[in-house]
Amino acid sequence: MSLTRRSLLAGASAATALALAGPALAQAELSASEQRLVARAQAYLQSMTSVRGRFSETGPRGQRASGAFYLNRPGRMRFEYDAPSRLVVVADGSNIHRWDPRLEVYQRVPTSQTPLSLLLAQTASFSNRNISILRVVPSPDGAQIQLTDRRRPRDGTLTLEFGGNPYRLRSWVVMDAQGAATRVQLVTINPAASLPDSLFRNPRGS
C-alpha cells in the first residue's frame, strides 16, 4: 500500500489529497460574512494547542473505524485505532508515521506533503499562499470551509466543519480527484494539560 494523503489525514487513514471541485476563490472574493466565519475558524484552530478525544471515521465505501486522538500543536498529533485495526498514525513535528501492526507495514511522509500540515502549523491560517478557499457554507451554529492546495489543485479537497456550543472543530472530509470521500468526526475533544512526548514518537515497535 502506498502512503497517500488519504491514508494519513483520516486518522489519519481518513483522507486524501485535494481536487478542484471548481475555480478557487481568493480570500479577497469572500463576502464580509464569509470572512468573519473564516476568521472565527482560524482563531479556534490557533487556540487548539493541546487536546485529546475520540474520533469516528467513515471511508469511501462506508467502512467504519474509531479510536483515540491526541493533538499538541504545533506539529504533533497521534491517532490510535481501536481493535481489530490497531493502526497508529503519528505526526512528530516533521514527518507522519503510519504503523499497521497487523500487516507489519510501516510508512513515513513529510507532514508538509499532507493536508494535516494545515492543522499542525505554528500559525493556523487559511490565507497563506499555498491554500485556496473554494467555498464557505454557513450553518446555524458555524460553517463548513472547503479548501484546496494551490500547489496540487487537482489532487482533491479538504472540508473542515466548525460549530456547536462551545464552538469547535467537528469533523473534516477529504475528497480525492475521483470523488471518493473519507470523513473523520471528532466525537469528543477536551483540553489536555500535558501530553507525554512518548505519544508523538515513531510508533513502530512501541
N, C-alpha and C. Protein backbone atom coordinates (compact mmCIF):
# COMPACT_ATOMS: atom_id res chain seq x y z
N MET A 1 0.86 -1.20 0.00
CA MET A 1 0.00 0.00 0.00
C MET A 1 0.89 1.24 0.00
N SER A 2 0.63 2.15 -0.89
CA SER A 2 1.41 3.39 -0.90
C SER A 2 0.89 4.34 0.15
N LEU A 3 1.75 5.25 0.57
CA LEU A 3 1.36 6.21 1.61
C LEU A 3 0.73 7.42 0.95
N THR A 4 -0.60 7.48 0.95
CA THR A 4 -1.30 8.58 0.32
C THR A 4 -1.75 9.57 1.36
N ARG A 5 -2.12 10.77 0.91
CA ARG A 5 -2.61 11.76 1.86
C ARG A 5 -3.93 11.31 2.44
N ARG A 6 -4.70 10.47 1.71
CA ARG A 6 -5.93 9.94 2.32
C ARG A 6 -5.58 9.06 3.50
N SER A 7 -4.61 8.16 3.33
CA SER A 7 -4.29 7.23 4.40
C SER A 7 -3.70 7.95 5.59
N LEU A 8 -3.25 9.18 5.41
CA LEU A 8 -2.69 9.91 6.53
C LEU A 8 -3.70 10.79 7.22
N LEU A 9 -4.43 11.59 6.50
CA LEU A 9 -5.27 12.58 7.17
C LEU A 9 -6.40 11.96 7.91
N ALA A 10 -6.95 10.91 7.38
CA ALA A 10 -8.07 10.39 8.04
C ALA A 10 -7.68 9.54 9.16
N GLY A 11 -7.00 9.84 9.94
CA GLY A 11 -6.72 9.14 11.10
C GLY A 11 -5.45 8.76 11.21
N ALA A 12 -5.80 9.42 10.66
CA ALA A 12 -5.27 9.69 9.76
C ALA A 12 -5.50 8.91 8.68
N SER A 13 -5.85 7.67 8.72
CA SER A 13 -6.13 6.94 7.50
C SER A 13 -7.36 7.47 6.88
N ALA A 14 -7.81 8.59 7.23
CA ALA A 14 -9.06 9.11 6.72
C ALA A 14 -8.97 9.99 5.56
N ALA A 15 -7.91 10.22 4.86
CA ALA A 15 -8.06 11.28 3.94
C ALA A 15 -7.29 11.17 2.67
N THR A 16 -7.49 12.09 1.82
CA THR A 16 -6.90 12.11 0.50
C THR A 16 -6.40 13.48 0.19
N ALA A 17 -5.77 13.66 -0.85
CA ALA A 17 -5.29 14.97 -1.20
C ALA A 17 -6.36 15.73 -1.90
N LEU A 18 -6.10 16.77 -2.58
CA LEU A 18 -7.12 17.75 -2.80
C LEU A 18 -7.48 17.95 -4.29
N ALA A 19 -8.83 17.83 -4.78
CA ALA A 19 -9.12 18.01 -6.21
C ALA A 19 -10.00 19.20 -6.47
N LEU A 20 -9.72 19.94 -7.47
CA LEU A 20 -10.54 21.12 -7.73
C LEU A 20 -11.96 20.71 -8.03
N ALA A 21 -12.86 21.20 -7.20
CA ALA A 21 -14.28 20.98 -7.46
C ALA A 21 -14.82 22.13 -8.28
N GLY A 22 -14.04 23.13 -8.48
CA GLY A 22 -14.46 24.31 -9.23
C GLY A 22 -13.36 25.33 -9.13
N PRO A 23 -13.49 26.51 -9.75
CA PRO A 23 -12.45 27.51 -9.69
C PRO A 23 -12.24 27.99 -8.27
N ALA A 24 -10.97 28.12 -7.87
CA ALA A 24 -10.66 28.54 -6.50
C ALA A 24 -11.04 30.00 -6.28
N LEU A 25 -11.53 30.26 -5.08
CA LEU A 25 -11.87 31.62 -4.69
C LEU A 25 -10.73 32.21 -3.87
N ALA A 26 -10.23 33.33 -4.23
CA ALA A 26 -9.27 34.02 -3.39
C ALA A 26 -10.01 34.57 -2.18
N GLN A 27 -9.27 34.75 -1.07
CA GLN A 27 -9.94 35.25 0.12
C GLN A 27 -10.55 36.62 -0.11
N ALA A 28 -9.93 37.39 -0.99
CA ALA A 28 -10.46 38.72 -1.27
C ALA A 28 -11.85 38.67 -1.87
N GLU A 29 -12.23 37.52 -2.46
CA GLU A 29 -13.54 37.40 -3.09
C GLU A 29 -14.62 36.94 -2.13
N LEU A 30 -14.25 36.63 -0.90
CA LEU A 30 -15.24 36.23 0.09
C LEU A 30 -16.05 37.43 0.54
N SER A 31 -17.31 37.19 0.84
CA SER A 31 -18.14 38.26 1.38
C SER A 31 -17.69 38.58 2.80
N ALA A 32 -18.17 39.69 3.33
CA ALA A 32 -17.79 40.09 4.69
C ALA A 32 -18.22 39.04 5.71
N SER A 33 -19.43 38.47 5.52
CA SER A 33 -19.90 37.46 6.47
C SER A 33 -19.06 36.19 6.36
N GLU A 34 -18.65 35.82 5.14
CA GLU A 34 -17.80 34.65 4.97
C GLU A 34 -16.43 34.87 5.59
N GLN A 35 -15.90 36.08 5.43
CA GLN A 35 -14.61 36.39 6.04
C GLN A 35 -14.68 36.29 7.56
N ARG A 36 -15.80 36.67 8.15
CA ARG A 36 -15.95 36.56 9.61
C ARG A 36 -15.98 35.10 10.04
N LEU A 37 -16.65 34.25 9.26
CA LEU A 37 -16.69 32.83 9.58
C LEU A 37 -15.30 32.21 9.49
N VAL A 38 -14.55 32.59 8.47
CA VAL A 38 -13.18 32.09 8.31
C VAL A 38 -12.30 32.57 9.46
N ALA A 39 -12.45 33.83 9.84
CA ALA A 39 -11.64 34.37 10.93
C ALA A 39 -11.94 33.65 12.25
N ARG A 40 -13.21 33.32 12.48
CA ARG A 40 -13.57 32.61 13.71
C ARG A 40 -12.96 31.21 13.72
N ALA A 41 -13.00 30.54 12.58
CA ALA A 41 -12.42 29.20 12.49
C ALA A 41 -10.91 29.24 12.70
N GLN A 42 -10.26 30.21 12.11
CA GLN A 42 -8.82 30.35 12.29
C GLN A 42 -8.47 30.61 13.75
N ALA A 43 -9.22 31.47 14.39
CA ALA A 43 -8.96 31.77 15.80
C ALA A 43 -9.12 30.53 16.66
N TYR A 44 -10.13 29.71 16.35
CA TYR A 44 -10.32 28.47 17.11
C TYR A 44 -9.13 27.53 16.92
N LEU A 45 -8.72 27.32 15.66
CA LEU A 45 -7.61 26.41 15.41
C LEU A 45 -6.34 26.90 16.10
N GLN A 46 -6.14 28.21 16.11
CA GLN A 46 -4.95 28.76 16.74
C GLN A 46 -4.96 28.50 18.24
N SER A 47 -6.15 28.49 18.84
CA SER A 47 -6.27 28.28 20.29
C SER A 47 -6.22 26.80 20.66
N MET A 48 -6.38 25.91 19.68
CA MET A 48 -6.43 24.48 19.94
C MET A 48 -5.00 23.94 19.99
N THR A 49 -4.36 24.07 21.14
CA THR A 49 -2.95 23.74 21.25
C THR A 49 -2.68 22.33 21.79
N SER A 50 -3.40 21.91 22.82
CA SER A 50 -3.16 20.61 23.42
C SER A 50 -4.51 19.99 23.80
N VAL A 51 -4.94 18.98 23.02
CA VAL A 51 -6.26 18.37 23.24
C VAL A 51 -6.17 16.86 23.04
N ARG A 52 -7.20 16.18 23.54
CA ARG A 52 -7.33 14.75 23.32
C ARG A 52 -8.80 14.42 23.16
N GLY A 53 -9.12 13.28 22.57
CA GLY A 53 -10.52 12.93 22.40
C GLY A 53 -10.68 11.63 21.64
N ARG A 54 -11.89 11.42 21.13
CA ARG A 54 -12.24 10.23 20.37
C ARG A 54 -12.68 10.65 18.97
N PHE A 55 -12.39 9.79 17.99
CA PHE A 55 -12.81 10.07 16.62
C PHE A 55 -13.53 8.87 16.04
N SER A 56 -14.33 9.15 15.01
CA SER A 56 -15.02 8.12 14.24
C SER A 56 -14.75 8.40 12.77
N GLU A 57 -14.38 7.38 12.04
CA GLU A 57 -14.01 7.54 10.63
C GLU A 57 -14.93 6.72 9.74
N THR A 58 -15.37 7.34 8.65
CA THR A 58 -16.18 6.65 7.65
C THR A 58 -15.47 6.75 6.30
N GLY A 59 -15.14 5.61 5.73
CA GLY A 59 -14.40 5.59 4.48
C GLY A 59 -15.30 5.71 3.26
N PRO A 60 -14.72 5.77 2.07
CA PRO A 60 -15.50 5.99 0.84
C PRO A 60 -16.46 4.87 0.49
N ARG A 61 -16.24 3.68 1.04
CA ARG A 61 -17.15 2.57 0.78
C ARG A 61 -18.03 2.28 2.00
N GLY A 62 -18.10 3.25 2.91
CA GLY A 62 -18.94 3.10 4.09
C GLY A 62 -18.30 2.36 5.23
N GLN A 63 -17.04 1.97 5.09
CA GLN A 63 -16.36 1.26 6.16
C GLN A 63 -16.13 2.20 7.34
N ARG A 64 -16.24 1.65 8.56
CA ARG A 64 -16.17 2.48 9.76
C ARG A 64 -15.03 2.02 10.67
N ALA A 65 -14.46 3.00 11.36
CA ALA A 65 -13.43 2.74 12.36
C ALA A 65 -13.53 3.84 13.41
N SER A 66 -12.91 3.60 14.55
CA SER A 66 -12.92 4.60 15.62
C SER A 66 -11.65 4.46 16.43
N GLY A 67 -11.41 5.44 17.30
CA GLY A 67 -10.22 5.38 18.12
C GLY A 67 -10.03 6.65 18.91
N ALA A 68 -8.81 6.81 19.43
CA ALA A 68 -8.45 7.98 20.24
C ALA A 68 -7.47 8.84 19.46
N PHE A 69 -7.54 10.17 19.70
CA PHE A 69 -6.57 11.06 19.08
C PHE A 69 -6.00 12.01 20.12
N TYR A 70 -4.80 12.51 19.82
CA TYR A 70 -4.09 13.45 20.68
C TYR A 70 -3.47 14.51 19.78
N LEU A 71 -3.56 15.75 20.18
CA LEU A 71 -3.02 16.86 19.40
C LEU A 71 -2.20 17.76 20.30
N ASN A 72 -1.00 18.07 19.87
CA ASN A 72 -0.14 19.01 20.60
C ASN A 72 0.50 19.93 19.57
N ARG A 73 -0.18 21.05 19.30
CA ARG A 73 0.31 21.98 18.30
C ARG A 73 1.39 22.87 18.91
N PRO A 74 2.38 23.27 18.06
CA PRO A 74 2.47 22.93 16.63
C PRO A 74 3.13 21.57 16.40
N GLY A 75 2.68 20.95 15.32
CA GLY A 75 3.42 19.85 14.74
C GLY A 75 3.08 18.44 15.11
N ARG A 76 2.43 18.21 16.28
CA ARG A 76 2.35 16.83 16.75
C ARG A 76 0.90 16.36 16.92
N MET A 77 0.65 15.15 16.45
CA MET A 77 -0.68 14.55 16.53
C MET A 77 -0.53 13.04 16.53
N ARG A 78 -1.48 12.35 17.16
CA ARG A 78 -1.48 10.89 17.18
C ARG A 78 -2.90 10.37 17.05
N PHE A 79 -3.10 9.36 16.19
CA PHE A 79 -4.36 8.65 16.06
C PHE A 79 -4.10 7.19 16.39
N GLU A 80 -4.87 6.66 17.34
CA GLU A 80 -4.79 5.24 17.71
C GLU A 80 -6.13 4.59 17.37
N TYR A 81 -6.13 3.66 16.43
CA TYR A 81 -7.36 2.99 16.04
C TYR A 81 -7.67 1.83 16.99
N ASP A 82 -8.96 1.68 17.28
CA ASP A 82 -9.39 0.57 18.12
C ASP A 82 -9.19 -0.76 17.40
N ALA A 83 -9.17 -1.85 18.18
CA ALA A 83 -9.15 -3.19 17.61
C ALA A 83 -10.42 -3.39 16.77
N PRO A 84 -10.37 -4.15 15.69
CA PRO A 84 -9.24 -5.01 15.33
C PRO A 84 -8.14 -4.30 14.52
N SER A 85 -8.32 -3.06 14.12
CA SER A 85 -7.35 -2.40 13.27
C SER A 85 -6.00 -2.20 13.98
N ARG A 86 -6.03 -1.49 15.10
CA ARG A 86 -4.83 -1.15 15.89
C ARG A 86 -3.83 -0.31 15.11
N LEU A 87 -4.27 0.29 14.01
CA LEU A 87 -3.43 1.20 13.26
C LEU A 87 -3.03 2.39 14.12
N VAL A 88 -1.79 2.85 13.98
CA VAL A 88 -1.32 4.04 14.69
C VAL A 88 -0.71 5.00 13.67
N VAL A 89 -1.13 6.27 13.72
CA VAL A 89 -0.57 7.31 12.86
C VAL A 89 -0.09 8.45 13.73
N VAL A 90 1.16 8.83 13.57
CA VAL A 90 1.78 9.84 14.43
C VAL A 90 2.44 10.92 13.58
N ALA A 91 2.16 12.18 13.92
CA ALA A 91 2.91 13.32 13.38
C ALA A 91 3.87 13.77 14.48
N ASP A 92 5.17 13.76 14.18
CA ASP A 92 6.17 14.04 15.21
C ASP A 92 6.76 15.44 15.16
N GLY A 93 6.22 16.27 14.28
CA GLY A 93 6.75 17.62 14.12
C GLY A 93 7.39 17.83 12.76
N SER A 94 7.86 16.75 12.15
CA SER A 94 8.48 16.82 10.84
C SER A 94 7.85 15.84 9.86
N ASN A 95 7.60 14.63 10.33
CA ASN A 95 7.07 13.57 9.48
C ASN A 95 5.82 12.97 10.08
N ILE A 96 5.08 12.26 9.22
CA ILE A 96 3.94 11.47 9.67
C ILE A 96 4.29 10.01 9.49
N HIS A 97 4.15 9.24 10.56
CA HIS A 97 4.47 7.83 10.57
C HIS A 97 3.17 7.04 10.64
N ARG A 98 3.06 6.02 9.82
CA ARG A 98 1.89 5.15 9.81
C ARG A 98 2.35 3.72 10.06
N TRP A 99 1.86 3.14 11.15
CA TRP A 99 2.29 1.80 11.52
C TRP A 99 1.07 0.90 11.64
N ASP A 100 1.04 -0.16 10.82
CA ASP A 100 -0.02 -1.15 10.86
C ASP A 100 0.55 -2.43 11.45
N PRO A 101 0.30 -2.69 12.75
CA PRO A 101 0.91 -3.87 13.39
C PRO A 101 0.35 -5.18 12.88
N ARG A 102 -0.87 -5.18 12.36
CA ARG A 102 -1.43 -6.45 11.85
C ARG A 102 -0.68 -6.90 10.61
N LEU A 103 -0.40 -5.96 9.71
CA LEU A 103 0.29 -6.29 8.46
C LEU A 103 1.79 -6.06 8.54
N GLU A 104 2.23 -5.48 9.67
CA GLU A 104 3.63 -5.13 9.86
C GLU A 104 4.13 -4.24 8.72
N VAL A 105 3.33 -3.22 8.44
CA VAL A 105 3.65 -2.26 7.38
C VAL A 105 3.91 -0.90 8.01
N TYR A 106 5.04 -0.33 7.70
CA TYR A 106 5.42 0.99 8.21
C TYR A 106 5.66 1.93 7.04
N GLN A 107 5.14 3.17 7.16
CA GLN A 107 5.32 4.17 6.11
C GLN A 107 5.57 5.53 6.75
N ARG A 108 6.24 6.40 6.01
CA ARG A 108 6.56 7.74 6.51
C ARG A 108 6.51 8.73 5.36
N VAL A 109 6.03 9.94 5.66
CA VAL A 109 5.99 11.00 4.66
C VAL A 109 6.13 12.34 5.39
N PRO A 110 6.75 13.34 4.78
CA PRO A 110 6.83 14.66 5.42
C PRO A 110 5.44 15.24 5.67
N THR A 111 5.25 15.83 6.83
CA THR A 111 3.95 16.43 7.17
C THR A 111 3.54 17.47 6.15
N SER A 112 4.52 18.20 5.62
CA SER A 112 4.23 19.28 4.67
C SER A 112 3.58 18.79 3.39
N GLN A 113 3.66 17.48 3.11
CA GLN A 113 3.06 16.93 1.90
C GLN A 113 1.65 16.40 2.12
N THR A 114 1.06 16.67 3.29
CA THR A 114 -0.28 16.20 3.60
C THR A 114 -1.16 17.36 4.07
N PRO A 115 -2.48 17.20 3.98
CA PRO A 115 -3.39 18.23 4.49
C PRO A 115 -3.28 18.45 5.99
N LEU A 116 -2.69 17.50 6.73
CA LEU A 116 -2.52 17.70 8.16
C LEU A 116 -1.66 18.90 8.47
N SER A 117 -0.85 19.33 7.51
CA SER A 117 0.01 20.48 7.76
C SER A 117 -0.79 21.72 8.12
N LEU A 118 -2.02 21.83 7.61
CA LEU A 118 -2.88 22.97 7.94
C LEU A 118 -3.24 22.97 9.42
N LEU A 119 -3.59 21.81 9.96
CA LEU A 119 -4.00 21.72 11.36
C LEU A 119 -2.81 21.83 12.31
N LEU A 120 -1.62 21.45 11.84
CA LEU A 120 -0.48 21.34 12.74
C LEU A 120 0.49 22.50 12.66
N ALA A 121 0.25 23.44 11.77
CA ALA A 121 1.19 24.55 11.59
C ALA A 121 1.27 25.42 12.84
N GLN A 122 2.41 26.11 12.96
CA GLN A 122 2.59 27.04 14.09
C GLN A 122 1.49 28.09 14.11
N THR A 123 1.17 28.61 12.93
CA THR A 123 0.09 29.59 12.80
C THR A 123 -1.01 28.99 11.94
N ALA A 124 -2.20 28.85 12.52
CA ALA A 124 -3.34 28.30 11.78
C ALA A 124 -3.93 29.41 10.92
N SER A 125 -3.74 29.31 9.62
CA SER A 125 -4.22 30.37 8.73
C SER A 125 -4.66 29.78 7.41
N PHE A 126 -5.80 30.23 6.91
CA PHE A 126 -6.27 29.83 5.60
C PHE A 126 -5.83 30.81 4.52
N SER A 127 -5.04 31.81 4.89
CA SER A 127 -4.71 32.86 3.94
C SER A 127 -3.27 32.77 3.44
N ASN A 128 -2.57 31.66 3.73
CA ASN A 128 -1.21 31.59 3.22
C ASN A 128 -1.22 31.27 1.73
N ARG A 129 -0.08 31.40 1.10
CA ARG A 129 -0.02 31.33 -0.36
C ARG A 129 -0.29 29.94 -0.92
N ASN A 130 -0.27 28.91 -0.07
CA ASN A 130 -0.46 27.56 -0.55
C ASN A 130 -1.91 27.08 -0.46
N ILE A 131 -2.80 27.89 0.12
CA ILE A 131 -4.17 27.46 0.35
C ILE A 131 -5.15 28.34 -0.40
N SER A 132 -6.10 27.73 -1.08
CA SER A 132 -7.22 28.44 -1.69
C SER A 132 -8.50 28.01 -1.00
N ILE A 133 -9.34 28.96 -0.68
CA ILE A 133 -10.66 28.67 -0.14
C ILE A 133 -11.62 28.53 -1.31
N LEU A 134 -12.19 27.35 -1.47
CA LEU A 134 -13.12 27.13 -2.56
C LEU A 134 -14.51 27.66 -2.25
N ARG A 135 -14.96 27.43 -1.01
CA ARG A 135 -16.27 27.92 -0.61
C ARG A 135 -16.39 27.91 0.90
N VAL A 136 -17.27 28.77 1.38
CA VAL A 136 -17.62 28.83 2.80
C VAL A 136 -19.13 28.67 2.88
N VAL A 137 -19.59 27.63 3.58
CA VAL A 137 -21.01 27.34 3.68
C VAL A 137 -21.45 27.56 5.12
N PRO A 138 -22.25 28.60 5.39
CA PRO A 138 -22.70 28.85 6.77
C PRO A 138 -23.64 27.74 7.24
N SER A 139 -23.63 27.51 8.55
CA SER A 139 -24.59 26.62 9.19
C SER A 139 -25.20 27.39 10.36
N PRO A 140 -26.25 26.87 10.99
CA PRO A 140 -26.88 27.62 12.07
C PRO A 140 -25.94 27.99 13.21
N ASP A 141 -24.91 27.14 13.44
CA ASP A 141 -24.01 27.43 14.56
C ASP A 141 -22.54 27.43 14.17
N GLY A 142 -22.24 27.53 12.87
CA GLY A 142 -20.85 27.52 12.45
C GLY A 142 -20.71 27.61 10.95
N ALA A 143 -19.83 26.79 10.38
CA ALA A 143 -19.60 26.85 8.94
C ALA A 143 -18.81 25.64 8.48
N GLN A 144 -18.92 25.34 7.19
CA GLN A 144 -18.04 24.40 6.51
C GLN A 144 -17.13 25.21 5.60
N ILE A 145 -15.85 24.92 5.67
CA ILE A 145 -14.86 25.65 4.86
C ILE A 145 -14.13 24.64 4.00
N GLN A 146 -14.29 24.78 2.69
CA GLN A 146 -13.67 23.84 1.75
C GLN A 146 -12.40 24.47 1.18
N LEU A 147 -11.32 23.70 1.23
CA LEU A 147 -10.00 24.20 0.86
C LEU A 147 -9.36 23.32 -0.20
N THR A 148 -8.42 23.89 -0.92
CA THR A 148 -7.58 23.12 -1.82
C THR A 148 -6.15 23.63 -1.70
N ASP A 149 -5.21 22.81 -2.07
CA ASP A 149 -3.79 23.15 -2.04
C ASP A 149 -3.41 23.74 -3.39
N ARG A 150 -2.96 24.98 -3.40
CA ARG A 150 -2.60 25.64 -4.66
C ARG A 150 -1.50 24.89 -5.39
N ARG A 151 -0.63 24.22 -4.64
CA ARG A 151 0.49 23.52 -5.26
C ARG A 151 0.03 22.24 -5.96
N ARG A 152 -1.10 21.66 -5.49
CA ARG A 152 -1.62 20.42 -6.07
C ARG A 152 -3.13 20.54 -6.24
N PRO A 153 -3.59 21.50 -7.03
CA PRO A 153 -5.02 21.81 -7.08
C PRO A 153 -5.88 20.70 -7.66
N ARG A 154 -5.30 19.74 -8.35
CA ARG A 154 -6.09 18.67 -8.96
C ARG A 154 -6.17 17.44 -8.08
N ASP A 155 -5.56 17.49 -6.93
CA ASP A 155 -5.49 16.29 -6.09
C ASP A 155 -6.77 16.05 -5.29
N GLY A 156 -7.51 17.10 -4.91
CA GLY A 156 -8.72 16.89 -4.12
C GLY A 156 -9.05 18.08 -3.25
N THR A 157 -10.01 17.91 -2.35
CA THR A 157 -10.44 18.99 -1.47
C THR A 157 -10.48 18.53 -0.02
N LEU A 158 -10.27 19.48 0.86
CA LEU A 158 -10.37 19.26 2.30
C LEU A 158 -11.46 20.19 2.82
N THR A 159 -12.47 19.64 3.50
CA THR A 159 -13.55 20.44 4.07
C THR A 159 -13.53 20.29 5.58
N LEU A 160 -13.40 21.42 6.28
CA LEU A 160 -13.43 21.46 7.73
C LEU A 160 -14.79 21.96 8.18
N GLU A 161 -15.38 21.29 9.16
CA GLU A 161 -16.68 21.68 9.69
C GLU A 161 -16.53 22.18 11.13
N PHE A 162 -17.00 23.40 11.38
CA PHE A 162 -16.93 24.02 12.70
C PHE A 162 -18.35 24.32 13.19
N GLY A 163 -18.54 24.29 14.51
CA GLY A 163 -19.84 24.66 15.05
C GLY A 163 -19.99 24.18 16.47
N GLY A 164 -21.21 24.29 16.99
CA GLY A 164 -21.51 23.81 18.33
C GLY A 164 -21.39 24.89 19.38
N ASN A 165 -21.78 24.52 20.59
CA ASN A 165 -21.68 25.40 21.75
C ASN A 165 -21.19 24.56 22.92
N PRO A 166 -19.92 24.63 23.25
CA PRO A 166 -18.93 25.58 22.72
C PRO A 166 -18.50 25.26 21.29
N TYR A 167 -18.11 26.30 20.61
CA TYR A 167 -17.68 26.21 19.22
C TYR A 167 -16.41 25.37 19.13
N ARG A 168 -16.35 24.49 18.11
CA ARG A 168 -15.16 23.66 17.97
C ARG A 168 -15.09 23.08 16.56
N LEU A 169 -13.97 22.46 16.25
CA LEU A 169 -13.84 21.69 15.02
C LEU A 169 -14.59 20.38 15.22
N ARG A 170 -15.58 20.14 14.37
CA ARG A 170 -16.41 18.94 14.50
C ARG A 170 -15.92 17.78 13.65
N SER A 171 -15.47 18.08 12.43
CA SER A 171 -15.09 17.00 11.52
C SER A 171 -14.31 17.57 10.36
N TRP A 172 -13.74 16.66 9.57
CA TRP A 172 -13.20 17.04 8.27
C TRP A 172 -13.50 15.94 7.26
N VAL A 173 -13.58 16.35 6.02
CA VAL A 173 -13.84 15.42 4.93
C VAL A 173 -12.79 15.68 3.85
N VAL A 174 -12.15 14.61 3.40
CA VAL A 174 -11.22 14.74 2.28
C VAL A 174 -11.80 13.99 1.10
N MET A 175 -11.88 14.68 -0.03
CA MET A 175 -12.39 14.07 -1.26
C MET A 175 -11.27 14.05 -2.29
N ASP A 176 -11.04 12.88 -2.87
CA ASP A 176 -9.96 12.79 -3.83
C ASP A 176 -10.43 13.17 -5.23
N ALA A 177 -9.51 13.10 -6.17
CA ALA A 177 -9.81 13.55 -7.53
C ALA A 177 -10.87 12.70 -8.20
N GLN A 178 -11.10 11.49 -7.71
CA GLN A 178 -12.13 10.62 -8.28
C GLN A 178 -13.46 10.76 -7.55
N GLY A 179 -13.54 11.65 -6.56
CA GLY A 179 -14.79 11.89 -5.85
C GLY A 179 -15.00 10.98 -4.65
N ALA A 180 -14.01 10.17 -4.28
CA ALA A 180 -14.12 9.31 -3.10
C ALA A 180 -13.85 10.15 -1.85
N ALA A 181 -14.75 10.07 -0.87
CA ALA A 181 -14.65 10.91 0.32
C ALA A 181 -14.46 10.07 1.57
N THR A 182 -13.62 10.56 2.47
CA THR A 182 -13.43 9.96 3.79
C THR A 182 -13.69 11.04 4.83
N ARG A 183 -14.54 10.70 5.82
CA ARG A 183 -14.93 11.67 6.85
C ARG A 183 -14.39 11.24 8.21
N VAL A 184 -13.81 12.18 8.90
CA VAL A 184 -13.36 11.96 10.28
C VAL A 184 -14.16 12.90 11.18
N GLN A 185 -14.94 12.33 12.07
CA GLN A 185 -15.72 13.11 13.03
C GLN A 185 -15.02 13.06 14.37
N LEU A 186 -14.84 14.24 14.97
CA LEU A 186 -14.26 14.32 16.31
C LEU A 186 -15.41 14.18 17.30
N VAL A 187 -15.58 12.99 17.84
CA VAL A 187 -16.73 12.69 18.70
C VAL A 187 -16.63 13.46 20.01
N THR A 188 -15.44 13.47 20.59
CA THR A 188 -15.18 14.28 21.78
C THR A 188 -13.84 14.98 21.57
N ILE A 189 -13.70 16.13 22.21
CA ILE A 189 -12.43 16.86 22.17
C ILE A 189 -12.33 17.65 23.46
N ASN A 190 -11.26 17.42 24.21
CA ASN A 190 -11.10 18.02 25.53
C ASN A 190 -9.68 18.56 25.70
N PRO A 191 -9.54 19.66 26.42
CA PRO A 191 -8.19 20.17 26.71
C PRO A 191 -7.37 19.13 27.45
N ALA A 192 -6.08 19.10 27.14
CA ALA A 192 -5.16 18.19 27.82
C ALA A 192 -4.00 19.02 28.37
N ALA A 193 -3.92 19.11 29.68
CA ALA A 193 -2.92 19.98 30.31
C ALA A 193 -1.50 19.60 29.90
N SER A 194 -1.23 18.32 29.82
CA SER A 194 0.10 17.87 29.40
C SER A 194 -0.03 16.50 28.75
N LEU A 195 0.63 16.34 27.62
CA LEU A 195 0.65 15.08 26.90
C LEU A 195 2.10 14.60 26.83
N PRO A 196 2.37 13.35 27.18
CA PRO A 196 3.75 12.87 27.20
C PRO A 196 4.37 12.85 25.80
N ASP A 197 5.65 13.17 25.75
CA ASP A 197 6.37 13.15 24.47
C ASP A 197 6.33 11.79 23.81
N SER A 198 6.20 10.74 24.61
CA SER A 198 6.22 9.38 24.06
C SER A 198 5.07 9.13 23.08
N LEU A 199 3.97 9.90 23.22
CA LEU A 199 2.84 9.73 22.31
C LEU A 199 3.21 10.08 20.88
N PHE A 200 4.19 10.94 20.71
CA PHE A 200 4.47 11.53 19.39
C PHE A 200 5.79 11.03 18.81
N ARG A 201 6.21 9.86 19.26
CA ARG A 201 7.40 9.24 18.70
C ARG A 201 6.99 8.22 17.65
N ASN A 202 7.95 7.84 16.84
CA ASN A 202 7.72 6.82 15.82
C ASN A 202 7.04 5.61 16.45
N PRO A 203 5.82 5.25 16.01
CA PRO A 203 5.07 4.18 16.69
C PRO A 203 5.54 2.77 16.35
N ARG A 204 6.39 2.61 15.39
CA ARG A 204 6.82 1.27 15.02
C ARG A 204 7.60 0.63 16.16
N GLY A 205 7.10 -0.50 16.63
CA GLY A 205 7.77 -1.20 17.70
C GLY A 205 7.41 -0.72 19.08
N SER A 206 6.50 0.34 19.19
CA SER A 206 6.11 0.84 20.52
C SER A 206 4.97 0.02 21.07
